């Protein structure tokens, strides 16, 4: 379950479908709405603050398109250095900062 999300995702949720799914799965806790914010940038910044790190640059962050598309992910520099120890994984691009559109939302992977 997510702890942070965006308003646009919450507004896209169909409450009826969600209720049917969680009742069928007997997982009522999955129907709870996480804290949500207006933009991806705001949600990410506040999620990092909640990690209580002395320096948010030390955060180990992984960004995925969705759980069915894990062949390409973005990772933070700190995590990339750890992953470089794993020969079965290979980087495809150099590290870069997250890029947001003018509305503060992440650009697609």
PDB file of N, CA and C in Angstrom:
ATOM      1  N   UNK A   1       0.840  -1.185   0.000  1.00  0.00           N
ATOM      2  CA  UNK A   1       0.000   0.000   0.000  1.00  0.00           C
ATOM      3  C   UNK A   1       0.876   1.235   0.000  1.00  0.00           C
ATOM      4  N   UNK A   2       0.477   2.238  -0.725  1.00  0.00           N
ATOM      5  CA  UNK A   2       1.222   3.494  -0.810  1.00  0.00           C
ATOM      6  C   UNK A   2       0.987   4.333   0.439  1.00  0.00           C
ATOM      7  N   UNK A   3       1.992   5.092   0.817  1.00  0.00           N
ATOM      8  CA  UNK A   3       1.859   6.045   1.909  1.00  0.00           C
ATOM      9  C   UNK A   3       1.630   7.456   1.382  1.00  0.00           C
ATOM     10  N   UNK A   4       2.110   7.716   0.154  1.00  0.00           N
ATOM     11  CA  UNK A   4       1.993   9.025  -0.478  1.00  0.00           C
ATOM     12  C   UNK A   4       1.541   8.829  -1.920  1.00  0.00           C
ATOM     13  N   UNK A   5       0.710   9.738  -2.396  1.00  0.00           N
ATOM     14  CA  UNK A   5       0.321   9.710  -3.802  1.00  0.00           C
ATOM     15  C   UNK A   5      -0.102  11.106  -4.220  1.00  0.00           C
ATOM     16  N   UNK A   6      -0.673  11.202  -5.407  1.00  0.00           N
ATOM     17  CA  UNK A   6      -1.096  12.498  -5.925  1.00  0.00           C
ATOM     18  C   UNK A   6      -2.618  12.593  -5.997  1.00  0.00           C
ATOM     19  N   UNK A   7      -3.079  13.823  -6.014  1.00  0.00           N
ATOM     20  CA  UNK A   7      -4.524  14.078  -6.123  1.00  0.00           C
ATOM     21  C   UNK A   7      -5.082  13.463  -7.408  1.00  0.00           C
ATOM     22  N   UNK A   8      -4.325  13.539  -8.518  1.00  0.00           N
ATOM     23  CA  UNK A   8      -4.853  13.017  -9.785  1.00  0.00           C
ATOM     24  C   UNK A   8      -5.073  11.514  -9.718  1.00  0.00           C
ATOM     25  N   UNK A   9      -4.255  10.779  -8.970  1.00  0.00           N
ATOM     26  CA  UNK A   9      -4.483   9.350  -8.819  1.00  0.00           C
ATOM     27  C   UNK A   9      -5.719   9.096  -7.959  1.00  0.00           C
ATOM     28  N   UNK A  10      -5.839   9.813  -6.859  1.00  0.00           N
ATOM     29  CA  UNK A  10      -6.989   9.623  -5.962  1.00  0.00           C
ATOM     30  C   UNK A  10      -8.292   9.923  -6.699  1.00  0.00           C
ATOM     31  N   UNK A  11      -8.279  10.964  -7.508  1.00  0.00           N
ATOM     32  CA  UNK A  11      -9.493  11.317  -8.253  1.00  0.00           C
ATOM     33  C   UNK A  11      -9.823  10.301  -9.347  1.00  0.00           C
ATOM     34  N   UNK A  12      -8.844   9.495  -9.757  1.00  0.00           N
ATOM     35  CA  UNK A  12      -9.071   8.481 -10.789  1.00  0.00           C
ATOM     36  C   UNK A  12      -9.570   7.156 -10.209  1.00  0.00           C
ATOM     37  N   UNK A  13      -9.580   7.031  -8.895  1.00  0.00           N
ATOM     38  CA  UNK A  13     -10.009   5.784  -8.259  1.00  0.00           C
ATOM     39  C   UNK A  13     -11.526   5.626  -8.388  1.00  0.00           C
ATOM     40  N   UNK A  14     -11.949   4.447  -8.767  1.00  0.00           N
ATOM     41  CA  UNK A  14     -13.368   4.123  -8.798  1.00  0.00           C
ATOM     42  C   UNK A  14     -13.688   3.444  -7.465  1.00  0.00           C
ATOM     43  N   UNK A  15     -14.370   4.135  -6.548  1.00  0.00           N
ATOM     44  CA  UNK A  15     -14.603   3.568  -5.211  1.00  0.00           C
ATOM     45  C   UNK A  15     -15.377   2.250  -5.233  1.00  0.00           C
ATOM     46  N   UNK A  16     -16.302   2.103  -6.149  1.00  0.00           N
ATOM     47  CA  UNK A  16     -17.094   0.868  -6.229  1.00  0.00           C
ATOM     48  C   UNK A  16     -16.202  -0.315  -6.601  1.00  0.00           C
ATOM     49  N   UNK A  17     -15.373  -0.151  -7.625  1.00  0.00           N
ATOM     50  CA  UNK A  17     -14.467  -1.217  -8.056  1.00  0.00           C
ATOM     51  C   UNK A  17     -13.478  -1.540  -6.945  1.00  0.00           C
ATOM     52  N   UNK A  18     -12.945  -0.504  -6.293  1.00  0.00           N
ATOM     53  CA  UNK A  18     -12.005  -0.721  -5.194  1.00  0.00           C
ATOM     54  C   UNK A  18     -12.665  -1.516  -4.075  1.00  0.00           C
ATOM     55  N   UNK A  19     -13.875  -1.154  -3.713  1.00  0.00           N
ATOM     56  CA  UNK A  19     -14.586  -1.872  -2.645  1.00  0.00           C
ATOM     57  C   UNK A  19     -14.799  -3.338  -2.998  1.00  0.00           C
ATOM     58  N   UNK A  20     -15.220  -3.617  -4.204  1.00  0.00           N
ATOM     59  CA  UNK A  20     -15.431  -4.999  -4.635  1.00  0.00           C
ATOM     60  C   UNK A  20     -14.119  -5.777  -4.571  1.00  0.00           C
ATOM     61  N   UNK A  21     -13.030  -5.172  -5.057  1.00  0.00           N
ATOM     62  CA  UNK A  21     -11.737  -5.848  -5.055  1.00  0.00           C
ATOM     63  C   UNK A  21     -11.245  -6.162  -3.641  1.00  0.00           C
ATOM     64  N   UNK A  22     -11.323  -5.197  -2.740  1.00  0.00           N
ATOM     65  CA  UNK A  22     -10.802  -5.456  -1.389  1.00  0.00           C
ATOM     66  C   UNK A  22     -11.693  -6.425  -0.619  1.00  0.00           C
ATOM     67  N   UNK A  23     -12.984  -6.384  -0.860  1.00  0.00           N
ATOM     68  CA  UNK A  23     -13.871  -7.349  -0.202  1.00  0.00           C
ATOM     69  C   UNK A  23     -13.617  -8.760  -0.725  1.00  0.00           C
ATOM     70  N   UNK A  24     -13.421  -8.889  -2.026  1.00  0.00           N
ATOM     71  CA  UNK A  24     -13.132 -10.193  -2.623  1.00  0.00           C
ATOM     72  C   UNK A  24     -11.813 -10.749  -2.107  1.00  0.00           C
ATOM     73  N   UNK A  25     -10.834  -9.878  -1.946  1.00  0.00           N
ATOM     74  CA  UNK A  25      -9.505 -10.301  -1.475  1.00  0.00           C
ATOM     75  C   UNK A  25      -9.426 -10.399   0.045  1.00  0.00           C
ATOM     76  N   UNK A  26     -10.521 -10.038   0.731  1.00  0.00           N
ATOM     77  CA  UNK A  26     -10.522 -10.023   2.204  1.00  0.00           C
ATOM     78  C   UNK A  26      -9.352  -9.208   2.751  1.00  0.00           C
ATOM     79  N   UNK A  27      -9.121  -8.066   2.117  1.00  0.00           N
ATOM     80  CA  UNK A  27      -7.996  -7.197   2.476  1.00  0.00           C
ATOM     81  C   UNK A  27      -8.490  -5.765   2.630  1.00  0.00           C
ATOM     82  N   UNK A  28      -9.325  -5.536   3.618  1.00  0.00           N
ATOM     83  CA  UNK A  28      -9.959  -4.235   3.789  1.00  0.00           C
ATOM     84  C   UNK A  28      -8.957  -3.099   3.956  1.00  0.00           C
ATOM     85  N   UNK A  29      -7.817  -3.390   4.531  1.00  0.00           N
ATOM     86  CA  UNK A  29      -6.803  -2.344   4.749  1.00  0.00           C
ATOM     87  C   UNK A  29      -6.296  -1.746   3.436  1.00  0.00           C
ATOM     88  N   UNK A  30      -6.449  -2.459   2.327  1.00  0.00           N
ATOM     89  CA  UNK A  30      -5.961  -1.959   1.037  1.00  0.00           C
ATOM     90  C   UNK A  30      -6.866  -0.881   0.433  1.00  0.00           C
ATOM     91  N   UNK A  31      -8.026  -0.654   1.020  1.00  0.00           N
ATOM     92  CA  UNK A  31      -8.942   0.352   0.497  1.00  0.00           C
ATOM     93  C   UNK A  31      -8.668   1.736   1.071  1.00  0.00           C
ATOM     94  N   UNK A  32      -7.749   1.841   1.992  1.00  0.00           N
ATOM     95  CA  UNK A  32      -7.475   3.129   2.622  1.00  0.00           C
ATOM     96  C   UNK A  32      -6.723   4.043   1.653  1.00  0.00           C
ATOM     97  N   UNK A  33      -7.127   5.290   1.632  1.00  0.00           N
ATOM     98  CA  UNK A  33      -6.497   6.272   0.757  1.00  0.00           C
ATOM     99  C   UNK A  33      -5.273   6.855   1.456  1.00  0.00           C
ATOM    100  N   UNK A  34      -4.126   6.829   0.786  1.00  0.00           N
ATOM    101  CA  UNK A  34      -2.920   7.417   1.389  1.00  0.00           C
ATOM    102  C   UNK A  34      -2.992   8.946   1.375  1.00  0.00           C
ATOM    103  N   UNK A  35      -2.068   9.584   2.075  1.00  0.00           N
ATOM    104  CA  UNK A  35      -1.959  11.037   1.982  1.00  0.00           C
ATOM    105  C   UNK A  35      -1.724  11.374   0.523  1.00  0.00           C
ATOM    106  N   UNK A  36      -2.348  12.455   0.061  1.00  0.00           N
ATOM    107  CA  UNK A  36      -2.137  12.817  -1.334  1.00  0.00           C
ATOM    108  C   UNK A  36      -1.858  14.315  -1.465  1.00  0.00           C
ATOM    109  N   UNK A  37      -1.123  14.622  -2.507  1.00  0.00           N
ATOM    110  CA  UNK A  37      -0.648  15.974  -2.740  1.00  0.00           C
ATOM    111  C   UNK A  37      -0.923  16.357  -4.189  1.00  0.00           C
ATOM    112  N   UNK A  38      -0.835  17.643  -4.478  1.00  0.00           N
ATOM    113  CA  UNK A  38      -1.213  18.127  -5.808  1.00  0.00           C
ATOM    114  C   UNK A  38      -0.269  17.697  -6.916  1.00  0.00           C
ATOM    115  N   UNK A  39       1.016  17.525  -6.618  1.00  0.00           N
ATOM    116  CA  UNK A  39       1.978  17.204  -7.668  1.00  0.00           C
ATOM    117  C   UNK A  39       2.896  16.056  -7.247  1.00  0.00           C
ATOM    118  N   UNK A  40       3.530  15.451  -8.247  1.00  0.00           N
ATOM    119  CA  UNK A  40       4.538  14.423  -7.968  1.00  0.00           C
ATOM    120  C   UNK A  40       5.677  15.016  -7.154  1.00  0.00           C
ATOM    121  N   UNK A  41       6.121  16.223  -7.535  1.00  0.00           N
ATOM    122  CA  UNK A  41       7.240  16.859  -6.846  1.00  0.00           C
ATOM    123  C   UNK A  41       6.947  17.012  -5.347  1.00  0.00           C
ATOM    124  N   UNK A  42       5.757  17.488  -5.036  1.00  0.00           N
ATOM    125  CA  UNK A  42       5.378  17.683  -3.629  1.00  0.00           C
ATOM    126  C   UNK A  42       5.308  16.346  -2.892  1.00  0.00           C
ATOM    127  N   UNK A  43       4.704  15.343  -3.507  1.00  0.00           N
ATOM    128  CA  UNK A  43       4.586  14.028  -2.863  1.00  0.00           C
ATOM    129  C   UNK A  43       5.968  13.430  -2.597  1.00  0.00           C
ATOM    130  N   UNK A  44       6.872  13.540  -3.564  1.00  0.00           N
ATOM    131  CA  UNK A  44       8.217  12.984  -3.408  1.00  0.00           C
ATOM    132  C   UNK A  44       9.001  13.740  -2.342  1.00  0.00           C
ATOM    133  N   UNK A  45       8.954  15.071  -2.384  1.00  0.00           N
ATOM    134  CA  UNK A  45       9.677  15.864  -1.393  1.00  0.00           C
ATOM    135  C   UNK A  45       9.213  15.536   0.026  1.00  0.00           C
ATOM    136  N   UNK A  46       7.917  15.443   0.226  1.00  0.00           N
ATOM    137  CA  UNK A  46       7.394  15.162   1.565  1.00  0.00           C
ATOM    138  C   UNK A  46       7.646  13.714   1.977  1.00  0.00           C
ATOM    139  N   UNK A  47       7.631  12.800   1.034  1.00  0.00           N
ATOM    140  CA  UNK A  47       7.974  11.414   1.358  1.00  0.00           C
ATOM    141  C   UNK A  47       9.423  11.334   1.835  1.00  0.00           C
ATOM    142  N   UNK A  48      10.315  12.062   1.163  1.00  0.00           N
ATOM    143  CA  UNK A  48      11.723  12.058   1.577  1.00  0.00           C
ATOM    144  C   UNK A  48      11.899  12.698   2.947  1.00  0.00           C
ATOM    145  N   UNK A  49      11.169  13.764   3.221  1.00  0.00           N
ATOM    146  CA  UNK A  49      11.237  14.396   4.544  1.00  0.00           C
ATOM    147  C   UNK A  49      10.788  13.403   5.614  1.00  0.00           C
ATOM    148  N   UNK A  50       9.775  12.613   5.313  1.00  0.00           N
ATOM    149  CA  UNK A  50       9.241  11.666   6.303  1.00  0.00           C
ATOM    150  C   UNK A  50      10.229  10.549   6.637  1.00  0.00           C
ATOM    151  N   UNK A  51      11.246  10.367   5.787  1.00  0.00           N
ATOM    152  CA  UNK A  51      12.252   9.325   6.034  1.00  0.00           C
ATOM    153  C   UNK A  51      13.238   9.733   7.123  1.00  0.00           C
ATOM    154  N   UNK A  52      13.167  10.983   7.560  1.00  0.00           N
ATOM    155  CA  UNK A  52      14.017  11.496   8.647  1.00  0.00           C
ATOM    156  C   UNK A  52      15.505  11.276   8.393  1.00  0.00           C
ATOM    157  N   UNK A  53      15.946  11.516   7.173  1.00  0.00           N
ATOM    158  CA  UNK A  53      17.365  11.417   6.836  1.00  0.00           C
ATOM    159  C   UNK A  53      18.024  12.769   7.083  1.00  0.00           C
ATOM    160  N   UNK A  54      19.255  12.752   7.561  1.00  0.00           N
ATOM    161  CA  UNK A  54      19.991  14.000   7.756  1.00  0.00           C
ATOM    162  C   UNK A  54      20.167  14.712   6.415  1.00  0.00           C
ATOM    163  N   UNK A  55      20.317  13.927   5.341  1.00  0.00           N
ATOM    164  CA  UNK A  55      20.496  14.467   3.995  1.00  0.00           C
ATOM    165  C   UNK A  55      19.667  13.607   3.043  1.00  0.00           C
ATOM    166  N   UNK A  56      18.652  14.205   2.423  1.00  0.00           N
ATOM    167  CA  UNK A  56      17.786  13.414   1.537  1.00  0.00           C
ATOM    168  C   UNK A  56      18.539  12.895   0.316  1.00  0.00           C
ATOM    169  N   UNK A  57      19.706  13.444   0.024  1.00  0.00           N
ATOM    170  CA  UNK A  57      20.521  12.918  -1.077  1.00  0.00           C
ATOM    171  C   UNK A  57      21.011  11.510  -0.770  1.00  0.00           C
ATOM    172  N   UNK A  58      20.938  11.098   0.491  1.00  0.00           N
ATOM    173  CA  UNK A  58      21.357   9.754   0.884  1.00  0.00           C
ATOM    174  C   UNK A  58      20.232   8.727   0.741  1.00  0.00           C
ATOM    175  N   UNK A  59      19.065   9.162   0.279  1.00  0.00           N
ATOM    176  CA  UNK A  59      17.922   8.251   0.152  1.00  0.00           C
ATOM    177  C   UNK A  59      18.148   7.227  -0.956  1.00  0.00           C
ATOM    178  N   UNK A  60      17.753   6.004  -0.686  1.00  0.00           N
ATOM    179  CA  UNK A  60      17.787   4.941  -1.694  1.00  0.00           C
ATOM    180  C   UNK A  60      16.401   4.884  -2.322  1.00  0.00           C
ATOM    181  N   UNK A  61      16.309   5.419  -3.528  1.00  0.00           N
ATOM    182  CA  UNK A  61      15.023   5.583  -4.203  1.00  0.00           C
ATOM    183  C   UNK A  61      15.009   4.751  -5.477  1.00  0.00           C
ATOM    184  N   UNK A  62      13.884   4.083  -5.721  1.00  0.00           N
ATOM    185  CA  UNK A  62      13.670   3.351  -6.966  1.00  0.00           C
ATOM    186  C   UNK A  62      12.364   3.854  -7.563  1.00  0.00           C
ATOM    187  N   UNK A  63      12.401   4.180  -8.838  1.00  0.00           N
ATOM    188  CA  UNK A  63      11.198   4.619  -9.550  1.00  0.00           C
ATOM    189  C   UNK A  63      10.866   3.594 -10.619  1.00  0.00           C
ATOM    190  N   UNK A  64       9.615   3.134 -10.623  1.00  0.00           N
ATOM    191  CA  UNK A  64       9.155   2.168 -11.617  1.00  0.00           C
ATOM    192  C   UNK A  64       7.955   2.745 -12.356  1.00  0.00           C
ATOM    193  N   UNK A  65       7.737   2.294 -13.568  1.00  0.00           N
ATOM    194  CA  UNK A  65       6.547   2.710 -14.313  1.00  0.00           C
ATOM    195  C   UNK A  65       5.310   2.058 -13.697  1.00  0.00           C
ATOM    196  N   UNK A  66       5.403   0.759 -13.444  1.00  0.00           N
ATOM    197  CA  UNK A  66       4.343  -0.003 -12.789  1.00  0.00           C
ATOM    198  C   UNK A  66       4.913  -1.369 -12.422  1.00  0.00           C
ATOM    199  N   UNK A  67       4.191  -2.124 -11.641  1.00  0.00           N
ATOM    200  CA  UNK A  67       4.718  -3.400 -11.148  1.00  0.00           C
ATOM    201  C   UNK A  67       4.827  -4.475 -12.213  1.00  0.00           C
ATOM    202  N   UNK A  68       4.242  -4.258 -13.379  1.00  0.00           N
ATOM    203  CA  UNK A  68       4.372  -5.218 -14.473  1.00  0.00           C
ATOM    204  C   UNK A  68       5.518  -4.863 -15.416  1.00  0.00           C
ATOM    205  N   UNK A  69       6.149  -3.713 -15.189  1.00  0.00           N
ATOM    206  CA  UNK A  69       7.208  -3.232 -16.089  1.00  0.00           C
ATOM    207  C   UNK A  69       8.480  -2.948 -15.287  1.00  0.00           C
ATOM    208  N   UNK A  70       9.141  -4.005 -14.858  1.00  0.00           N
ATOM    209  CA  UNK A  70      10.316  -3.840 -14.006  1.00  0.00           C
ATOM    210  C   UNK A  70      11.633  -4.008 -14.744  1.00  0.00           C
ATOM    211  N   UNK A  71      11.578  -4.132 -16.073  1.00  0.00           N
ATOM    212  CA  UNK A  71      12.825  -4.308 -16.817  1.00  0.00           C
ATOM    213  C   UNK A  71      13.617  -3.008 -16.897  1.00  0.00           C
ATOM    214  N   UNK A  72      12.964  -1.866 -16.693  1.00  0.00           N
ATOM    215  CA  UNK A  72      13.644  -0.572 -16.709  1.00  0.00           C
ATOM    216  C   UNK A  72      13.183   0.233 -15.509  1.00  0.00           C
ATOM    217  N   UNK A  73      14.119   0.628 -14.674  1.00  0.00           N
ATOM    218  CA  UNK A  73      13.810   1.425 -13.486  1.00  0.00           C
ATOM    219  C   UNK A  73      14.817   2.566 -13.382  1.00  0.00           C
ATOM    220  N   UNK A  74      14.472   3.568 -12.611  1.00  0.00           N
ATOM    221  CA  UNK A  74      15.410   4.630 -12.275  1.00  0.00           C
ATOM    222  C   UNK A  74      15.736   4.491 -10.796  1.00  0.00           C
ATOM    223  N   UNK A  75      16.991   4.694 -10.460  1.00  0.00           N
ATOM    224  CA  UNK A  75      17.409   4.597  -9.063  1.00  0.00           C
ATOM    225  C   UNK A  75      18.237   5.813  -8.689  1.00  0.00           C
ATOM    226  N   UNK A  76      18.238   6.133  -7.405  1.00  0.00           N
ATOM    227  CA  UNK A  76      19.042   7.248  -6.918  1.00  0.00           C
ATOM    228  C   UNK A  76      20.523   6.901  -7.005  1.00  0.00           C
ATOM    229  N   UNK A  77      21.370   7.932  -6.978  1.00  0.00           N
ATOM    230  CA  UNK A  77      22.815   7.707  -7.073  1.00  0.00           C
ATOM    231  C   UNK A  77      23.317   6.771  -5.988  1.00  0.00           C
ATOM    232  N   UNK A  78      22.834   6.949  -4.771  1.00  0.00           N
ATOM    233  CA  UNK A  78      23.274   6.099  -3.659  1.00  0.00           C
ATOM    234  C   UNK A  78      22.936   4.644  -3.949  1.00  0.00           C
ATOM    235  N   UNK A  79      21.737   4.419  -4.432  1.00  0.00           N
ATOM    236  CA  UNK A  79      21.322   3.049  -4.719  1.00  0.00           C
ATOM    237  C   UNK A  79      22.056   2.502  -5.943  1.00  0.00           C
ATOM    238  N   UNK A  80      22.327   3.353  -6.921  1.00  0.00           N
ATOM    239  CA  UNK A  80      23.048   2.916  -8.123  1.00  0.00           C
ATOM    240  C   UNK A  80      24.431   2.394  -7.761  1.00  0.00           C
ATOM    241  N   UNK A  81      25.098   3.037  -6.813  1.00  0.00           N
ATOM    242  CA  UNK A  81      26.433   2.568  -6.433  1.00  0.00           C
ATOM    243  C   UNK A  81      26.346   1.197  -5.764  1.00  0.00           C
ATOM    244  N   UNK A  82      25.290   0.949  -5.006  1.00  0.00           N
ATOM    245  CA  UNK A  82      25.100  -0.377  -4.404  1.00  0.00           C
ATOM    246  C   UNK A  82      24.792  -1.425  -5.470  1.00  0.00           C
ATOM    247  N   UNK A  83      23.968  -1.056  -6.432  1.00  0.00           N
ATOM    248  CA  UNK A  83      23.572  -2.003  -7.479  1.00  0.00           C
ATOM    249  C   UNK A  83      24.712  -2.334  -8.431  1.00  0.00           C
ATOM    250  N   UNK A  84      25.707  -1.448  -8.508  1.00  0.00           N
ATOM    251  CA  UNK A  84      26.841  -1.711  -9.396  1.00  0.00           C
ATOM    252  C   UNK A  84      27.618  -2.951  -8.952  1.00  0.00           C
ATOM    253  N   UNK A  85      27.392  -3.403  -7.729  1.00  0.00           N
ATOM    254  CA  UNK A  85      28.027  -4.610  -7.213  1.00  0.00           C
ATOM    255  C   UNK A  85      27.340  -5.882  -7.712  1.00  0.00           C
ATOM    256  N   UNK A  86      26.225  -5.723  -8.415  1.00  0.00           N
ATOM    257  CA  UNK A  86      25.446  -6.872  -8.894  1.00  0.00           C
ATOM    258  C   UNK A  86      25.630  -7.032 -10.395  1.00  0.00           C
ATOM    259  N   UNK A  87      26.419  -8.013 -10.824  1.00  0.00           N
ATOM    260  CA  UNK A  87      26.748  -8.157 -12.245  1.00  0.00           C
ATOM    261  C   UNK A  87      25.549  -8.454 -13.151  1.00  0.00           C
ATOM    262  N   UNK A  88      24.462  -8.978 -12.619  1.00  0.00           N
ATOM    263  CA  UNK A  88      23.298  -9.297 -13.454  1.00  0.00           C
ATOM    264  C   UNK A  88      22.486  -8.043 -13.820  1.00  0.00           C
ATOM    265  N   UNK A  89      22.821  -6.905 -13.205  1.00  0.00           N
ATOM    266  CA  UNK A  89      22.131  -5.655 -13.510  1.00  0.00           C
ATOM    267  C   UNK A  89      23.078  -4.736 -14.268  1.00  0.00           C
ATOM    268  N   UNK A  90      22.535  -4.043 -15.256  1.00  0.00           N
ATOM    269  CA  UNK A  90      23.393  -3.133 -16.009  1.00  0.00           C
ATOM    270  C   UNK A  90      22.716  -1.786 -16.189  1.00  0.00           C
ATOM    271  N   UNK A  91      23.468  -0.715 -15.975  1.00  0.00           N
ATOM    272  CA  UNK A  91      22.896   0.623 -16.168  1.00  0.00           C
ATOM    273  C   UNK A  91      22.765   0.935 -17.658  1.00  0.00           C
ATOM    274  N   UNK A  92      21.717   1.672 -18.004  1.00  0.00           N
ATOM    275  CA  UNK A  92      21.508   2.057 -19.400  1.00  0.00           C
ATOM    276  C   UNK A  92      21.769   3.538 -19.623  1.00  0.00           C
ATOM    277  N   UNK A  93      21.728   4.327 -18.551  1.00  0.00           N
ATOM    278  CA  UNK A  93      21.992   5.758 -18.675  1.00  0.00           C
ATOM    279  C   UNK A  93      22.776   6.222 -17.456  1.00  0.00           C
ATOM    280  N   UNK A  94      23.407   7.362 -17.606  1.00  0.00           N
ATOM    281  CA  UNK A  94      24.107   7.975 -16.471  1.00  0.00           C
ATOM    282  C   UNK A  94      23.065   8.530 -15.505  1.00  0.00           C
ATOM    283  N   UNK A  95      23.466   8.724 -14.261  1.00  0.00           N
ATOM    284  CA  UNK A  95      22.511   9.246 -13.289  1.00  0.00           C
ATOM    285  C   UNK A  95      22.156  10.686 -13.633  1.00  0.00           C
ATOM    286  N   UNK A  96      20.959  11.066 -13.272  1.00  0.00           N
ATOM    287  CA  UNK A  96      20.470  12.426 -13.516  1.00  0.00           C
ATOM    288  C   UNK A  96      19.402  12.742 -12.485  1.00  0.00           C
ATOM    289  N   UNK A  97      19.111  13.994 -12.325  1.00  0.00           N
ATOM    290  CA  UNK A  97      18.057  14.392 -11.399  1.00  0.00           C
ATOM    291  C   UNK A  97      16.697  14.026 -11.987  1.00  0.00           C
ATOM    292  N   UNK A  98      15.718  13.843 -11.103  1.00  0.00           N
ATOM    293  CA  UNK A  98      14.356  13.616 -11.573  1.00  0.00           C
ATOM    294  C   UNK A  98      13.920  14.833 -12.370  1.00  0.00           C
ATOM    295  N   UNK A  99      13.204  14.591 -13.453  1.00  0.00           N
ATOM    296  CA  UNK A  99      12.741  15.708 -14.269  1.00  0.00           C
ATOM    297  C   UNK A  99      11.224  15.810 -14.183  1.00  0.00           C
ATOM    298  N   UNK A 100      10.780  17.044 -13.997  1.00  0.00           N
ATOM    299  CA  UNK A 100       9.359  17.337 -13.810  1.00  0.00           C
ATOM    300  C   UNK A 100       8.890  18.275 -14.907  1.00  0.00           C
ATOM    301  N   UNK A 101       7.602  18.203 -15.235  1.00  0.00           N
ATOM    302  CA  UNK A 101       7.039  19.142 -16.189  1.00  0.00           C
ATOM    303  C   UNK A 101       6.735  20.461 -15.472  1.00  0.00           C
ATOM    304  N   UNK A 102       6.167  21.433 -16.191  1.00  0.00           N
ATOM    305  CA  UNK A 102       5.896  22.746 -15.595  1.00  0.00           C
ATOM    306  C   UNK A 102       4.837  22.684 -14.510  1.00  0.00           C
ATOM    307  N   UNK A 103       4.072  21.597 -14.454  1.00  0.00           N
ATOM    308  CA  UNK A 103       3.051  21.445 -13.407  1.00  0.00           C
ATOM    309  C   UNK A 103       3.611  20.744 -12.162  1.00  0.00           C
ATOM    310  N   UNK A 104       4.865  20.302 -12.221  1.00  0.00           N
ATOM    311  CA  UNK A 104       5.463  19.625 -11.065  1.00  0.00           C
ATOM    312  C   UNK A 104       5.272  18.127 -11.068  1.00  0.00           C
ATOM    313  N   UNK A 105       4.911  17.559 -12.219  1.00  0.00           N
ATOM    314  CA  UNK A 105       4.720  16.111 -12.314  1.00  0.00           C
ATOM    315  C   UNK A 105       5.876  15.468 -13.068  1.00  0.00           C
ATOM    316  N   UNK A 106       6.240  14.260 -12.663  1.00  0.00           N
ATOM    317  CA  UNK A 106       7.345  13.545 -13.282  1.00  0.00           C
ATOM    318  C   UNK A 106       7.090  13.295 -14.755  1.00  0.00           C
ATOM    319  N   UNK A 107       8.160  13.398 -15.531  1.00  0.00           N
ATOM    320  CA  UNK A 107       8.067  13.023 -16.939  1.00  0.00           C
ATOM    321  C   UNK A 107       8.082  11.503 -17.014  1.00  0.00           C
ATOM    322  N   UNK A 108       7.495  10.894 -18.033  1.00  0.00           N
ATOM    323  CA  UNK A 108       7.449   9.439 -18.129  1.00  0.00           C
ATOM    324  C   UNK A 108       8.856   8.826 -18.155  1.00  0.00           C
ATOM    325  N   UNK A 109       8.950   7.577 -17.695  1.00  0.00           N
ATOM    326  CA  UNK A 109      10.234   6.863 -17.743  1.00  0.00           C
ATOM    327  C   UNK A 109      10.646   6.648 -19.178  1.00  0.00           C
TER     328      UNK A 109
END
